[in-house]
C-alpha atoms as a PDB file:
ATOM      1  CA  MET A   1      28.078  -0.050 -43.254  1.00  0.00           C
ATOM      2  CA  LEU A   2      26.871   3.355 -44.413  1.00  0.00           C
ATOM      3  CA  ALA A   3      23.926   3.563 -42.413  1.00  0.00           C
ATOM      4  CA  PHE A   4      25.776   3.391 -39.312  1.00  0.00           C
ATOM      5  CA  VAL A   5      28.234   5.820 -40.715  1.00  0.00           C
ATOM      6  CA  VAL A   6      25.182   8.383 -41.205  1.00  0.00           C
ATOM      7  CA  PHE A   7      23.473   7.109 -37.863  1.00  0.00           C
ATOM      8  CA  TYR A   8      26.367   7.564 -35.883  1.00  0.00           C
ATOM      9  CA  ALA A   9      27.778  10.752 -37.583  1.00  0.00           C
ATOM     10  CA  LEU A  10      24.313  11.810 -36.661  1.00  0.00           C
ATOM     11  CA  LEU A  11      24.190  11.461 -33.209  1.00  0.00           C
ATOM     12  CA  ALA A  12      27.755  12.662 -33.123  1.00  0.00           C
ATOM     13  CA  MET A  13      26.864  16.324 -33.845  1.00  0.00           C
ATOM     14  CA  THR A  14      23.950  15.823 -31.149  1.00  0.00           C
ATOM     15  CA  LEU A  15      26.534  15.398 -28.583  1.00  0.00           C
ATOM     16  CA  ALA A  16      28.960  17.975 -29.885  1.00  0.00           C
ATOM     17  CA  GLN A  17      26.121  20.475 -29.979  1.00  0.00           C
ATOM     18  CA  ALA A  18      25.480  19.011 -26.076  1.00  0.00           C
ATOM     19  CA  ARG A  19      25.305  22.401 -23.647  1.00  0.00           C
ATOM     20  CA  PRO A  20      28.244  20.260 -21.435  1.00  0.00           C
ATOM     21  CA  ILE A  21      30.434  19.747 -23.752  1.00  0.00           C
ATOM     22  CA  GLN A  22      29.900  23.549 -25.708  1.00  0.00           C
ATOM     23  CA  GLU A  23      31.059  25.443 -22.048  1.00  0.00           C
ATOM     24  CA  ALA A  24      34.232  23.353 -21.071  1.00  0.00           C
ATOM     25  CA  PRO A  25      37.545  24.462 -21.479  1.00  0.00           C
ATOM     26  CA  GLY A  26      39.057  24.109 -25.013  1.00  0.00           C
ATOM     27  CA  LEU A  27      41.131  21.212 -24.451  1.00  0.00           C
ATOM     28  CA  VAL A  28      38.380  19.239 -22.830  1.00  0.00           C
ATOM     29  CA  GLN A  29      36.331  20.543 -26.875  1.00  0.00           C
ATOM     30  CA  THR A  30      39.245  19.257 -28.483  1.00  0.00           C
ATOM     31  CA  VAL A  31      39.389  15.903 -26.893  1.00  0.00           C
ATOM     32  CA  SER A  32      35.847  15.426 -26.559  1.00  0.00           C
ATOM     33  CA  TYR A  33      35.982  16.071 -30.885  1.00  0.00           C
ATOM     34  CA  VAL A  34      38.838  13.770 -31.231  1.00  0.00           C
ATOM     35  CA  VAL A  35      36.855  10.929 -29.265  1.00  0.00           C
ATOM     36  CA  LEU A  36      33.885  11.689 -31.383  1.00  0.00           C
ATOM     37  CA  GLY A  37      35.533  11.798 -34.566  1.00  0.00           C
ATOM     38  CA  LEU A  38      37.154   8.195 -34.380  1.00  0.00           C
ATOM     39  CA  ALA A  39      34.873   6.489 -32.478  1.00  0.00           C
ATOM     40  CA  TRP A  40      33.138   5.136 -34.781  1.00  0.00           C
ATOM     41  CA  ILE A  41      36.190   3.113 -36.022  1.00  0.00           C
ATOM     42  CA  LEU A  42      36.086   1.140 -32.989  1.00  0.00           C
ATOM     43  CA  PRO A  43      31.990  -1.309 -33.505  1.00  0.00           C
ATOM     44  CA  LEU A  44      33.177  -1.136 -37.542  1.00  0.00           C
ATOM     45  CA  MET A  45      36.229  -2.710 -37.270  1.00  0.00           C
ATOM     46  CA  PRO A  46      35.974  -6.217 -37.475  1.00  0.00           C
ATOM     47  CA  LEU A  47      32.994  -5.178 -40.529  1.00  0.00           C
ATOM     48  CA  ILE A  48      36.513  -3.839 -41.705  1.00  0.00           C
ATOM     49  CA  LYS A  49      38.845  -7.103 -41.006  1.00  0.00           C
ATOM     50  CA  TRP A  50      35.953  -9.294 -42.238  1.00  0.00           C
ATOM     51  CA  MET A  51      35.930  -7.316 -45.614  1.00  0.00           C
ATOM     52  CA  GLU A  52      39.504  -7.160 -46.085  1.00  0.00           C
ATOM     53  CA  ARG A  53      40.552 -11.202 -45.223  1.00  0.00           C
ATOM     54  CA  ARG A  54      41.636 -12.833 -48.229  1.00  0.00           C
ATOM     55  CA  ASP A  55      38.821 -15.574 -49.025  1.00  0.00           C
END
């Protein structure tokens, strides 16, 4: 899980610095940053649910 988050953070930083996002209007940039900041939750949600289940 930690390795995935580190990899995703590097990927998100790279995408956030991409030219199309940097040259976009402020609202588009804000939405892009919110999506990039929250997108890591979707692939990890099954693992998080599995970790929280009772035995």
